[in-house]
Protein backbone atom coordinates (compact mmCIF):
# COMPACT_ATOMS: atom_id res chain seq x y z
CA UNK A 1 -14.34 -55.54 39.70
CA UNK A 2 -17.30 -53.93 41.99
CA UNK A 3 -20.62 -55.03 41.64
CA UNK A 4 -23.39 -52.04 41.36
CA UNK A 5 -26.01 -52.82 43.85
CA UNK A 6 -29.32 -54.64 42.16
CA UNK A 7 -31.71 -51.59 43.46
CA UNK A 8 -29.44 -48.83 42.09
CA UNK A 9 -29.61 -50.91 38.33
CA UNK A 10 -33.87 -50.99 39.03
CA UNK A 11 -33.68 -47.26 39.54
CA UNK A 12 -31.72 -46.24 36.65
CA UNK A 13 -33.51 -48.43 34.36
CA UNK A 14 -36.74 -47.00 35.62
CA UNK A 15 -35.57 -43.18 34.92
CA UNK A 16 -34.36 -44.17 31.49
CA UNK A 17 -37.83 -45.52 30.76
CA UNK A 18 -39.44 -42.87 31.59
CA UNK A 19 -37.16 -40.08 30.12
CA UNK A 20 -38.17 -42.16 26.95
CA UNK A 21 -41.92 -42.35 27.40
CA UNK A 22 -42.01 -38.48 28.10
CA UNK A 23 -39.68 -38.04 24.41
CA UNK A 24 -41.88 -40.11 22.78
CA UNK A 25 -45.42 -38.41 23.25
CA UNK A 26 -44.84 -34.97 21.99
CA UNK A 27 -43.42 -36.57 19.01
CA UNK A 28 -46.82 -38.04 17.93
CA UNK A 29 -49.12 -35.28 18.32
CA UNK A 30 -46.64 -33.38 15.58
CA UNK A 31 -46.32 -36.29 13.19
CA UNK A 32 -50.40 -36.15 13.52
CA UNK A 33 -50.54 -32.96 12.80
CA UNK A 34 -48.38 -32.98 10.06
CA UNK A 35 -50.49 -34.45 7.39
CA UNK A 36 -53.61 -32.51 8.67
CA UNK A 37 -51.85 -29.38 7.73
CA UNK A 38 -50.51 -30.75 4.67
CA UNK A 39 -54.11 -31.42 3.91
CA UNK A 40 -55.17 -28.01 4.82
CA UNK A 41 -52.62 -26.26 2.58
CA UNK A 42 -53.43 -28.33 -0.37
CA UNK A 43 -56.09 -25.98 -1.53
CA UNK A 44 -53.74 -22.96 -1.65
CA UNK A 45 -50.50 -23.85 -2.25
CA UNK A 46 -49.58 -25.38 -6.12
CA UNK A 47 -49.14 -29.38 -6.93
CA UNK A 48 -45.41 -28.84 -8.21
CA UNK A 49 -44.67 -27.18 -5.22
CA UNK A 50 -45.89 -29.56 -2.80
CA UNK A 51 -43.83 -32.71 -4.36
CA UNK A 52 -40.66 -30.60 -4.46
CA UNK A 53 -41.18 -30.24 -0.51
CA UNK A 54 -42.19 -33.71 0.00
CA UNK A 55 -38.98 -34.80 -1.75
CA UNK A 56 -36.73 -32.24 -0.28
CA UNK A 57 -38.20 -33.85 3.50
CA UNK A 58 -37.32 -37.36 2.24
CA UNK A 59 -34.18 -36.43 1.06
CA UNK A 60 -33.34 -34.73 4.30
CA UNK A 61 -34.54 -37.40 6.29
CA UNK A 62 -32.60 -40.20 4.31
CA UNK A 63 -29.47 -38.20 4.91
CA UNK A 64 -30.27 -38.20 8.46
CA UNK A 65 -30.79 -41.69 8.76
CA UNK A 66 -27.47 -42.21 7.06
CA UNK A 67 -25.60 -39.89 9.46
CA UNK A 68 -27.33 -41.15 12.54
CA UNK A 69 -26.10 -44.97 11.39
CA UNK A 70 -22.22 -43.77 10.56
CA UNK A 71 -22.17 -41.54 13.52
CA UNK A 72 -23.48 -43.13 16.31
CA UNK A 73 -21.67 -44.23 19.85
CA UNK A 74 -22.62 -47.13 22.02
CA UNK A 75 -21.77 -46.93 25.25
CA UNK A 76 -21.92 -49.88 27.73
CA UNK A 77 -24.43 -49.28 30.81
CA UNK A 78 -24.96 -52.25 33.40
CA UNK A 79 -28.09 -54.50 33.34
CA UNK A 80 -30.24 -55.76 36.11
CA UNK A 81 -28.87 -59.37 35.86
CA UNK A 82 -25.32 -58.27 36.61
CA UNK A 83 -24.24 -58.29 32.71
CA UNK A 84 -23.96 -55.39 30.28
CA UNK A 85 -26.47 -53.72 27.90
CA UNK A 86 -25.07 -51.13 25.03
CA UNK A 87 -26.89 -47.86 24.98
CA UNK A 88 -26.95 -46.00 21.62
CA UNK A 89 -26.24 -42.59 21.95
CA UNK A 90 -26.85 -39.16 20.34
CA UNK A 91 -24.20 -39.16 17.21
CA UNK A 92 -21.30 -37.07 17.11
CA UNK A 93 -21.93 -33.57 15.06
CA UNK A 94 -18.78 -33.86 12.08
CA UNK A 95 -17.78 -31.52 9.20
CA UNK A 96 -16.72 -32.04 5.77
CA UNK A 97 -13.99 -34.36 5.91
CA UNK A 98 -15.29 -35.91 9.00
CA UNK A 99 -13.60 -33.60 11.30
CA UNK A 100 -15.44 -32.54 14.29
CA UNK A 101 -13.51 -29.08 14.57
CA UNK A 102 -15.50 -26.06 14.33
CA UNK A 103 -13.65 -22.48 12.64
CA UNK A 104 -15.43 -19.72 14.43
CA UNK A 105 -13.90 -16.96 12.30
CA UNK A 106 -10.92 -15.54 10.96
CA UNK A 107 -9.45 -12.56 12.73
CA UNK A 108 -7.05 -10.08 10.54
CA UNK A 109 -3.62 -9.76 12.32
CA UNK A 110 -3.96 -5.35 12.15
CA UNK A 111 -6.86 -5.98 14.06
CA UNK A 112 -5.71 -7.33 17.25
CA UNK A 113 -2.27 -6.06 17.20
CA UNK A 114 -1.69 -2.82 18.23
CA UNK A 115 2.01 -1.68 16.97
CA UNK A 116 2.92 1.78 17.96
CA UNK A 117 6.33 1.98 16.15
CA UNK A 118 5.68 1.90 12.56
CA UNK A 119 9.19 1.72 10.62
CA UNK A 120 10.06 4.32 8.55
CA UNK A 121 12.49 4.76 5.83
CA UNK A 122 15.15 7.19 7.65
CA UNK A 123 19.06 7.28 8.63
CA UNK A 124 21.35 9.20 10.74
CA UNK A 125 22.85 11.93 9.72
CA UNK A 126 25.78 10.90 11.18
CA UNK A 127 27.65 8.91 9.45
CA UNK A 128 25.65 8.51 6.22
CA UNK A 129 24.95 12.08 4.95
CA UNK A 130 27.74 13.85 6.52
CA UNK A 131 30.34 11.24 4.95
CA UNK A 132 28.96 11.84 1.60
CA UNK A 133 29.17 15.59 2.13
CA UNK A 134 32.52 16.09 3.47
CA UNK A 135 33.58 13.59 0.29
CA UNK A 136 32.15 16.22 -1.97
CA UNK A 137 33.33 19.07 -0.16
CA UNK A 138 36.89 17.58 -0.64
CA UNK A 139 36.28 16.91 -4.28
CA UNK A 140 35.08 20.46 -5.18
CA UNK A 141 38.05 21.83 -3.26
CA UNK A 142 40.73 19.64 -4.96
CA UNK A 143 39.08 20.26 -8.75
CA UNK A 144 39.55 24.41 -7.40
CA UNK A 145 43.15 24.18 -6.49
CA UNK A 146 43.96 21.55 -9.71
CA UNK A 147 42.27 24.80 -11.81
CA UNK A 148 43.86 27.35 -10.32
CA UNK A 149 47.47 25.78 -10.82
CA UNK A 150 46.76 25.25 -14.67
CA UNK A 151 44.50 28.22 -15.34
CA UNK A 152 45.96 31.61 -15.34
CA UNK A 153 43.65 34.38 -14.53
CA UNK A 154 45.67 37.51 -13.74
CA UNK A 155 44.14 40.89 -12.65
CA UNK A 156 43.73 43.87 -15.04
CA UNK A 157 44.89 46.83 -15.10
CA UNK A 158 43.48 49.53 -13.26
CA UNK A 159 40.27 50.88 -14.65
CA UNK A 160 40.40 54.11 -16.56
CA UNK A 161 37.46 56.31 -16.15
CA UNK A 162 38.01 57.70 -19.58
CA UNK A 163 38.53 54.46 -21.63
CA UNK A 164 36.09 52.09 -21.83
CA UNK A 165 36.62 48.58 -22.79
CA UNK A 166 34.63 47.10 -25.83
CA UNK A 167 33.04 44.82 -25.62
CA UNK A 168 31.96 45.35 -21.80
CA UNK A 169 30.83 42.06 -20.76
CA UNK A 170 29.59 41.10 -17.10
CA UNK A 171 30.89 38.35 -15.52
CA UNK A 172 30.21 35.17 -16.64
CA UNK A 173 27.39 34.14 -14.13
CA UNK A 174 25.56 37.18 -15.31
CA UNK A 175 25.80 37.29 -18.87
CA UNK A 176 22.58 35.66 -19.10
CA UNK A 177 21.17 38.49 -17.72
CA UNK A 178 23.17 40.74 -20.03
CA UNK A 179 21.69 38.89 -22.87
CA UNK A 180 17.96 39.45 -21.69
CA UNK A 181 18.90 43.14 -21.18
CA UNK A 182 19.54 43.02 -25.25
CA UNK A 183 16.17 41.93 -26.03
CA UNK A 184 13.71 43.22 -23.26
CA UNK A 185 12.75 46.56 -21.88
CA UNK A 186 15.16 46.15 -18.27
CA UNK A 187 12.55 46.32 -15.87
CA UNK A 188 10.93 42.75 -17.71
CA UNK A 189 14.43 41.92 -18.11
CA UNK A 190 15.98 42.32 -14.76
CA UNK A 191 13.12 41.59 -12.40
CA UNK A 192 9.86 39.90 -14.44
CA UNK A 193 11.33 37.12 -16.17
CA UNK A 194 14.10 36.37 -13.36
CA UNK A 195 11.27 36.79 -10.45
CA UNK A 196 8.78 34.25 -12.54
CA UNK A 197 12.09 31.73 -12.74
CA UNK A 198 12.67 31.63 -9.06
CA UNK A 199 8.91 31.70 -8.09
CA UNK A 200 8.35 28.49 -10.01
CA UNK A 201 11.57 26.81 -8.47
CA UNK A 202 10.08 27.87 -5.15
CA UNK A 203 6.52 26.35 -5.82
CA UNK A 204 7.97 23.43 -7.38
CA UNK A 205 8.06 21.47 -3.98
CA UNK A 206 4.47 21.93 -3.50
CA UNK A 207 3.35 21.11 -6.77
CA UNK A 208 5.11 17.91 -7.34
CA UNK A 209 4.58 16.51 -3.87
CA UNK A 210 6.08 12.63 -4.92
CA UNK A 211 8.50 11.31 -2.31
CA UNK A 212 10.15 8.90 -4.28
CA UNK A 213 13.96 9.15 -5.37
CA UNK A 214 13.26 7.67 -8.52
CA UNK A 215 14.37 9.58 -11.48
CA UNK A 216 11.31 7.84 -13.49
CA UNK A 217 8.59 9.15 -10.60
CA UNK A 218 9.85 12.87 -10.37
CA UNK A 219 9.34 13.77 -14.20
CA UNK A 220 7.87 17.03 -13.33
CA UNK A 221 10.50 18.43 -11.05
CA UNK A 222 13.24 16.88 -13.32
CA UNK A 223 11.90 18.48 -16.52
CA UNK A 224 11.17 22.01 -14.74
CA UNK A 225 14.63 22.46 -13.25
CA UNK A 226 16.35 21.08 -16.59
CA UNK A 227 14.45 23.58 -18.42
CA UNK A 228 15.51 26.51 -16.13
CA UNK A 229 19.43 25.31 -16.26
CA UNK A 230 19.31 25.09 -20.17
CA UNK A 231 17.51 28.43 -20.75
CA UNK A 232 20.13 30.08 -18.61
CA UNK A 233 22.86 27.89 -20.48
CA UNK A 234 21.88 29.15 -23.63
CA UNK A 235 21.86 32.68 -22.38
CA UNK A 236 25.27 32.48 -20.99
CA UNK A 237 27.06 30.51 -23.77
CA UNK A 238 25.55 33.18 -26.76
CA UNK A 239 26.56 36.49 -24.31
CA UNK A 240 30.23 34.63 -23.66
CA UNK A 241 30.83 33.59 -27.12
CA UNK A 242 29.00 35.18 -29.63
CA UNK A 243 28.88 38.63 -28.82
CA UNK A 244 32.01 41.03 -29.98
CA UNK A 245 32.54 44.50 -30.08
CA UNK A 246 29.33 46.87 -28.61
CA UNK A 247 27.58 43.63 -27.58
CA UNK A 248 26.72 42.77 -31.38
CA UNK A 249 26.10 39.10 -32.19
CA UNK A 250 29.35 37.54 -34.13
CA UNK A 251 30.35 34.11 -34.65
CA UNK A 252 33.76 33.25 -32.82
CA UNK A 253 35.02 31.04 -35.78
CA UNK A 254 35.16 34.16 -38.27
CA UNK A 255 35.56 37.08 -35.89
CA UNK A 256 37.32 35.60 -33.13
CA UNK A 257 36.76 35.19 -29.33
CA UNK A 258 35.99 38.06 -27.06
CA UNK A 259 35.57 36.24 -24.07
CA UNK A 260 37.92 36.68 -20.75
CA UNK A 261 37.21 34.77 -17.09
């Protein structure tokens, strides 16, 4: 082990003593001024507050001494005679549990991450949508074909201008409108009521803007469409099965059925 020259050890020791004397000089006037300030303020500060302040200072001083006694680290410095001297250094600052690490701040991930493309709940038209539509079209075509095989729908004879059929009914999909004509003026039954229904259906997407596909979340839209279909279905059924000669109201189980496809 290489020995440190004696003149360097003496110079280091002198520098340490000089630094210690300088740090001790400002502390003495401050300690002497503290009692004077306390005595000067005794006349203005209540006694119980002074006692509380003294107790807090004593408690703080006791805690500082305990920290200094438990967290100080000693370093070994070479002495003038060739030996070593333990020099205490400042205690390490420790947090709760004795940890020396410090957490500066907690930053949310959204403030430092720049996500340009957000995930969207969408699928491609092909094959997800077109396959469903193609399967539905095949089902409707098969149903129509089977229905046309088992249900006979012959053409009637040529119309006779001198003979009006009784009852004279419109096609089944217009029987609801014909039923309204028996109750209201033609302007009201043919223009006003159907126009109001179509206008309400046009406004439905703008009134109910809920993007959910669940039926329990679309009560307004489902209720509006249900009322529209039930209203028209009831009118069609009355005009088809409960209207007889002269388009008068009849009971089909008593007077017969006056309906043709």
